[in-house]
Protein backbone atom coordinates (compact mmCIF):
# COMPACT_ATOMS: atom_id res chain seq x y z
CA UNK A 1 37.21 11.91 -91.23
CA UNK A 2 36.39 8.36 -89.67
CA UNK A 3 38.00 7.41 -86.47
CA UNK A 4 37.96 3.47 -85.81
CA UNK A 5 35.59 2.97 -88.79
CA UNK A 6 33.03 5.38 -87.66
CA UNK A 7 32.41 9.26 -88.76
CA UNK A 8 33.86 11.58 -86.42
CA UNK A 9 33.90 15.27 -86.05
CA UNK A 10 37.19 17.20 -86.22
CA UNK A 11 36.93 17.57 -82.44
CA UNK A 12 37.05 14.17 -81.78
CA UNK A 13 40.38 12.68 -79.35
CA UNK A 14 41.97 9.95 -80.97
CA UNK A 15 43.48 7.29 -78.67
CA UNK A 16 46.79 5.33 -79.12
CA UNK A 17 46.60 3.01 -81.55
CA UNK A 18 43.23 3.88 -83.21
CA UNK A 19 42.95 4.25 -86.94
CA UNK A 20 42.06 7.42 -88.86
CA UNK A 21 40.48 7.56 -92.33
CA UNK A 22 40.12 10.97 -94.39
CA UNK A 23 38.10 10.90 -97.25
CA UNK A 24 38.74 13.53 -100.04
CA UNK A 25 36.34 14.74 -102.37
CA UNK A 26 37.56 16.33 -105.82
CA UNK A 27 35.84 19.87 -106.67
CA UNK A 28 35.29 19.56 -110.01
CA UNK A 29 32.83 21.58 -112.35
CA UNK A 30 30.37 18.71 -113.35
CA UNK A 31 27.60 19.77 -115.94
CA UNK A 32 24.47 20.71 -114.40
CA UNK A 33 21.00 18.89 -115.10
CA UNK A 34 19.39 22.49 -115.20
CA UNK A 35 20.23 25.71 -116.95
CA UNK A 36 20.46 28.91 -114.89
CA UNK A 37 17.27 31.00 -115.51
CA UNK A 38 17.84 34.45 -114.16
CA UNK A 39 14.22 36.23 -113.55
CA UNK A 40 16.00 39.41 -112.33
CA UNK A 41 18.94 41.14 -111.39
CA UNK A 42 19.41 44.29 -109.05
CA UNK A 43 22.46 45.85 -107.12
CA UNK A 44 21.86 43.95 -104.11
CA UNK A 45 20.01 40.72 -105.01
CA UNK A 46 19.88 38.07 -107.87
CA UNK A 47 16.80 36.33 -108.39
CA UNK A 48 16.63 32.75 -110.06
CA UNK A 49 14.29 30.28 -110.60
CA UNK A 50 14.51 27.18 -109.61
CA UNK A 51 13.14 24.02 -111.47
CA UNK A 52 11.61 20.79 -109.66
CA UNK A 53 14.10 18.15 -108.43
CA UNK A 54 16.87 20.88 -108.14
CA UNK A 55 18.31 21.86 -104.54
CA UNK A 56 18.75 25.06 -103.81
CA UNK A 57 21.97 24.67 -102.78
CA UNK A 58 24.58 21.40 -101.54
CA UNK A 59 24.18 20.20 -97.96
CA UNK A 60 27.37 17.94 -98.45
CA UNK A 61 30.57 18.72 -101.22
CA UNK A 62 29.95 15.53 -102.92
CA UNK A 63 26.12 16.31 -103.83
CA UNK A 64 25.28 17.06 -107.16
CA UNK A 65 25.26 20.63 -108.45
CA UNK A 66 22.69 22.77 -106.83
CA UNK A 67 21.03 26.37 -108.06
CA UNK A 68 23.48 28.03 -105.98
CA UNK A 69 26.47 26.63 -107.84
CA UNK A 70 24.79 27.75 -111.18
CA UNK A 71 24.27 31.41 -109.70
CA UNK A 72 28.02 31.50 -107.94
CA UNK A 73 29.12 30.35 -111.60
CA UNK A 74 27.93 33.68 -113.07
CA UNK A 75 27.80 35.86 -110.01
CA UNK A 76 30.68 35.03 -108.23
CA UNK A 77 30.16 37.64 -105.35
CA UNK A 78 27.38 35.89 -104.13
CA UNK A 79 29.70 32.87 -102.67
CA UNK A 80 31.10 35.25 -100.38
CA UNK A 81 27.47 36.94 -99.31
CA UNK A 82 26.38 33.90 -97.05
CA UNK A 83 28.01 32.93 -93.89
CA UNK A 84 28.28 29.31 -95.23
CA UNK A 85 29.78 29.61 -99.04
CA UNK A 86 27.94 26.47 -100.00
CA UNK A 87 24.79 28.37 -100.22
CA UNK A 88 25.89 31.12 -102.49
CA UNK A 89 24.11 34.07 -101.16
CA UNK A 90 20.72 32.33 -100.83
CA UNK A 91 18.98 34.41 -98.32
CA UNK A 92 16.22 31.40 -98.06
CA UNK A 93 15.55 27.85 -99.13
CA UNK A 94 12.84 26.16 -101.35
CA UNK A 95 12.16 21.99 -100.98
CA UNK A 96 14.31 20.01 -103.44
CA UNK A 97 10.92 19.46 -105.18
CA UNK A 98 9.52 22.68 -105.26
CA UNK A 99 9.68 25.29 -108.19
CA UNK A 100 10.02 29.06 -108.22
CA UNK A 101 11.80 31.90 -107.48
CA UNK A 102 15.07 32.07 -104.86
CA UNK A 103 16.89 35.19 -104.02
CA UNK A 104 20.48 35.49 -103.67
CA UNK A 105 22.52 38.52 -101.98
CA UNK A 106 25.31 39.91 -103.74
CA UNK A 107 26.80 41.08 -100.76
CA UNK A 108 27.36 40.13 -97.19
CA UNK A 109 25.14 43.10 -95.88
CA UNK A 110 22.44 42.47 -97.86
CA UNK A 111 22.24 38.79 -97.16
CA UNK A 112 22.08 39.58 -93.03
CA UNK A 113 19.53 42.35 -93.66
CA UNK A 114 17.46 40.25 -95.77
CA UNK A 115 17.89 37.19 -93.28
CA UNK A 116 16.84 39.31 -90.59
CA UNK A 117 13.79 40.51 -92.91
CA UNK A 118 12.70 37.29 -93.02
CA UNK A 119 12.90 36.39 -89.01
CA UNK A 120 10.88 39.70 -88.69
CA UNK A 121 8.15 38.49 -91.33
CA UNK A 122 8.73 41.58 -93.53
CA UNK A 123 9.64 39.03 -96.81
CA UNK A 124 6.21 38.54 -98.88
CA UNK A 125 5.96 35.39 -100.31
CA UNK A 126 3.60 34.10 -102.51
CA UNK A 127 2.67 30.09 -103.57
CA UNK A 128 0.28 28.33 -105.85
CA UNK A 129 -0.55 25.11 -104.46
CA UNK A 130 -2.71 22.60 -106.77
CA UNK A 131 -4.56 20.00 -104.07
CA UNK A 132 -6.94 17.43 -103.86
CA UNK A 133 -10.04 18.05 -101.68
CA UNK A 134 -11.48 14.83 -100.25
CA UNK A 135 -14.10 17.13 -98.76
CA UNK A 136 -16.35 20.05 -99.85
CA UNK A 137 -15.76 23.85 -98.51
CA UNK A 138 -15.58 24.94 -95.71
CA UNK A 139 -12.46 23.57 -94.44
CA UNK A 140 -11.79 22.59 -92.11
CA UNK A 141 -15.24 21.72 -90.44
CA UNK A 142 -13.78 22.11 -86.93
CA UNK A 143 -10.38 23.47 -85.86
CA UNK A 144 -9.03 23.77 -82.25
CA UNK A 145 -9.73 27.26 -81.07
CA UNK A 146 -7.16 29.81 -82.42
CA UNK A 147 -6.00 27.54 -85.11
CA UNK A 148 -8.28 28.87 -87.99
CA UNK A 149 -9.99 31.84 -89.04
CA UNK A 150 -12.09 33.53 -91.96
CA UNK A 151 -9.95 35.13 -94.13
CA UNK A 152 -10.98 38.74 -94.80
CA UNK A 153 -11.07 40.25 -98.74
CA UNK A 154 -7.46 42.35 -98.91
CA UNK A 155 -5.65 39.82 -96.06
CA UNK A 156 -2.89 38.96 -98.48
CA UNK A 157 -0.17 40.82 -98.92
CA UNK A 158 -0.24 39.87 -102.62
CA UNK A 159 -3.83 40.54 -102.99
CA UNK A 160 -2.95 43.24 -105.62
CA UNK A 161 -1.29 40.88 -107.66
CA UNK A 162 -4.16 38.46 -107.86
CA UNK A 163 -6.54 41.10 -108.44
CA UNK A 164 -5.19 43.29 -110.67
CA UNK A 165 -3.91 40.95 -112.91
CA UNK A 166 -1.76 42.57 -114.70
CA UNK A 167 -0.08 41.53 -117.82
CA UNK A 168 3.22 40.69 -116.03
CA UNK A 169 0.95 38.55 -113.59
CA UNK A 170 -1.08 36.95 -116.25
CA UNK A 171 2.15 35.67 -117.98
CA UNK A 172 3.47 34.68 -114.83
CA UNK A 173 0.38 32.79 -113.61
CA UNK A 174 -0.55 31.35 -117.22
CA UNK A 175 2.35 31.49 -119.36
CA UNK A 176 0.37 28.84 -122.02
CA UNK A 177 -2.96 29.90 -121.61
CA UNK A 178 -3.67 26.66 -119.47
CA UNK A 179 -5.60 28.21 -116.68
CA UNK A 180 -7.87 30.66 -119.24
CA UNK A 181 -9.17 27.56 -121.01
CA UNK A 182 -10.50 26.26 -117.43
CA UNK A 183 -12.40 29.53 -116.61
CA UNK A 184 -15.86 28.50 -118.12
CA UNK A 185 -15.60 24.88 -116.43
CA UNK A 186 -14.30 25.54 -112.95
CA UNK A 187 -15.86 28.06 -110.50
CA UNK A 188 -14.11 30.85 -109.07
CA UNK A 189 -14.09 31.45 -105.29
CA UNK A 190 -12.49 34.35 -103.42
CA UNK A 191 -13.04 32.96 -99.55
CA UNK A 192 -10.12 32.44 -97.75
CA UNK A 193 -8.66 31.17 -94.61
CA UNK A 194 -6.01 31.87 -92.08
CA UNK A 195 -4.10 29.11 -90.59
CA UNK A 196 -2.22 29.51 -87.33
CA UNK A 197 -1.56 25.81 -86.71
CA UNK A 198 1.76 24.96 -84.86
CA UNK A 199 4.28 22.71 -86.29
CA UNK A 200 6.97 20.50 -84.58
CA UNK A 201 9.20 17.33 -85.35
CA UNK A 202 7.12 14.42 -87.05
CA UNK A 203 7.18 10.98 -86.19
CA UNK A 204 9.87 9.93 -89.08
CA UNK A 205 12.86 11.63 -90.10
CA UNK A 206 12.37 15.01 -92.15
CA UNK A 207 8.72 15.19 -91.48
CA UNK A 208 7.08 17.75 -89.36
CA UNK A 209 3.81 17.20 -87.86
CA UNK A 210 1.09 19.11 -86.27
CA UNK A 211 2.39 19.73 -82.64
CA UNK A 212 0.25 21.87 -79.94
CA UNK A 213 3.69 22.29 -78.44
CA UNK A 214 5.10 23.13 -81.63
CA UNK A 215 6.44 26.37 -83.13
CA UNK A 216 3.58 29.06 -84.54
CA UNK A 217 3.32 28.72 -88.20
CA UNK A 218 1.17 30.76 -89.86
CA UNK A 219 -0.36 30.49 -93.76
CA UNK A 220 -2.96 32.56 -95.24
CA UNK A 221 -4.95 30.38 -98.05
CA UNK A 222 -7.05 31.62 -100.97
CA UNK A 223 -8.91 29.39 -103.20
CA UNK A 224 -8.70 30.40 -106.75
CA UNK A 225 -10.16 27.49 -108.46
CA UNK A 226 -12.13 24.63 -107.42
CA UNK A 227 -13.24 21.85 -109.62
CA UNK A 228 -16.33 20.02 -109.85
CA UNK A 229 -16.19 16.52 -107.96
CA UNK A 230 -14.83 13.93 -110.28
CA UNK A 231 -16.07 10.13 -110.44
CA UNK A 232 -13.98 9.54 -107.30
CA UNK A 233 -15.50 12.35 -105.36
CA UNK A 234 -12.61 14.34 -105.46
CA UNK A 235 -12.16 18.04 -106.62
CA UNK A 236 -8.88 20.02 -107.39
CA UNK A 237 -8.23 23.09 -105.54
CA UNK A 238 -5.92 25.71 -106.64
CA UNK A 239 -4.86 27.84 -103.94
CA UNK A 240 -2.64 31.26 -103.60
CA UNK A 241 -0.46 30.60 -100.36
CA UNK A 242 0.83 33.28 -98.51
CA UNK A 243 3.50 31.97 -95.63
CA UNK A 244 3.91 34.73 -93.08
CA UNK A 245 6.17 32.08 -91.08
CA UNK A 246 8.68 30.10 -92.81
CA UNK A 247 8.93 26.67 -91.13
CA UNK A 248 10.01 23.42 -92.92
CA UNK A 249 7.39 21.92 -95.11
CA UNK A 250 4.91 24.43 -93.43
CA UNK A 251 2.59 24.64 -96.65
CA UNK A 252 2.62 20.81 -97.29
CA UNK A 253 1.95 20.04 -93.31
CA UNK A 254 -0.65 22.61 -92.91
CA UNK A 255 -2.54 21.42 -96.35
CA UNK A 256 -2.41 17.80 -95.51
CA UNK A 257 -4.04 18.48 -92.31
CA UNK A 258 -6.92 20.77 -93.72
CA UNK A 259 -7.56 17.65 -96.02
CA UNK A 260 -6.32 19.36 -98.97
CA UNK A 261 -2.85 17.43 -99.77
CA UNK A 262 -0.93 18.71 -102.24
CA UNK A 263 -1.05 16.70 -105.67
CA UNK A 264 2.21 14.70 -106.00
CA UNK A 265 3.13 15.13 -102.38
CA UNK A 266 4.06 11.14 -101.18
CA UNK A 267 5.73 12.80 -97.88
CA UNK A 268 2.47 14.05 -96.23
CA UNK A 269 -0.37 11.95 -98.57
CA UNK A 270 -0.26 9.69 -101.58
CA UNK A 271 1.38 10.94 -104.38
CA UNK A 272 -1.32 9.24 -106.98
CA UNK A 273 -0.47 9.55 -110.59
CA UNK A 274 1.56 13.07 -110.30
CA UNK A 275 5.56 12.76 -111.05
CA UNK A 276 6.10 16.41 -109.16
CA UNK A 277 4.88 18.21 -106.30
CA UNK A 278 2.53 20.98 -107.00
CA UNK A 279 4.00 23.48 -105.48
CA UNK A 280 5.24 26.65 -106.88
CA UNK A 281 7.08 29.83 -105.61
CA UNK A 282 5.43 32.31 -107.66
CA UNK A 283 6.51 35.72 -106.22
CA UNK A 284 8.87 37.23 -103.60
CA UNK A 285 8.91 40.60 -102.54
CA UNK A 286 11.55 42.35 -100.34
CA UNK A 287 10.49 45.83 -100.74
CA UNK A 288 9.43 46.64 -97.41
CA UNK A 289 13.27 45.67 -96.20
CA UNK A 290 14.85 47.34 -99.55
CA UNK A 291 12.93 50.08 -101.14
CA UNK A 292 14.43 49.84 -104.08
CA UNK A 293 13.66 45.88 -104.62
CA UNK A 294 10.55 45.29 -106.26
CA UNK A 295 8.34 42.16 -106.84
CA UNK A 296 9.97 39.43 -108.70
CA UNK A 297 7.83 36.63 -110.24
CA UNK A 298 8.55 32.81 -111.50
CA UNK A 299 6.48 31.81 -114.35
CA UNK A 300 4.18 28.53 -113.67
CA UNK A 301 6.12 25.62 -114.96
CA UNK A 302 4.77 23.56 -117.76
CA UNK A 303 2.13 20.92 -117.03
CA UNK A 304 1.64 22.50 -113.46
CA UNK A 305 -2.28 22.80 -114.30
CA UNK A 306 -2.46 19.61 -116.17
CA UNK A 307 -4.36 17.85 -113.17
CA UNK A 308 -6.92 20.70 -113.24
CA UNK A 309 -7.59 19.79 -116.58
CA UNK A 310 -7.45 16.25 -116.47
CA UNK A 311 -9.99 15.52 -113.31
């Protein structure tokens, strides 16, 4: 709705003589740029794979189809699960450029319990991040007191997933054998880092920044691969990332501050030659909230490991 040419909320009082304009959007079923890939279904949830470039759900009705629309087309009960039907029951959200697993509730009670679980930090979320290292470990060389700690073995909730490397995990981590072929050339390391770095509003719209007065934000990082420095002096680092809290752009902001910007991140670093953001939501685990749920994995997309090989 527009009043006197300006967008106005429904509560806007209209003066005598002011013009009112309404814009209507035709709701039509457009063709999606992506097909729905269902990773798992349970009586409570649908676990779907989100490709990079597809939003989790729409923010405006005239925006292109999002993952939530595809889920609702096949599982219509998800529409009524969330308080906002546009979310299609999504219990969390990934950035548009991030790929990986997203969980959608099939009932309001499941959605409410899952959302409460996120607030209570009871949901396991494991990401893979491919970063550019502009300096050698350890990272960072200095941090404000209480912002960085060494990560002890077993600290990650998903440590078992990484160490046991079951057939299912290997298939998700390395569906095309790209990572396995690098192991003879790239040293593997097990040391990790815990970041407790507060985040707040950045100087530009849509960005977050490291701020002492920001919201508490906790990330656990474990390097899996560190390549040898290239001719430019940069290395590539493959990290397992567990986000204990779930602030907007948390992984991206923490890693950029650490001197390990994500490959392809044009917001917090120079994207370089990468055409996509190399951040992938590998696994989600709701079993701490719902005993019958199991960890669900999303296979790493094709080309994700290419910068490790190309230098």
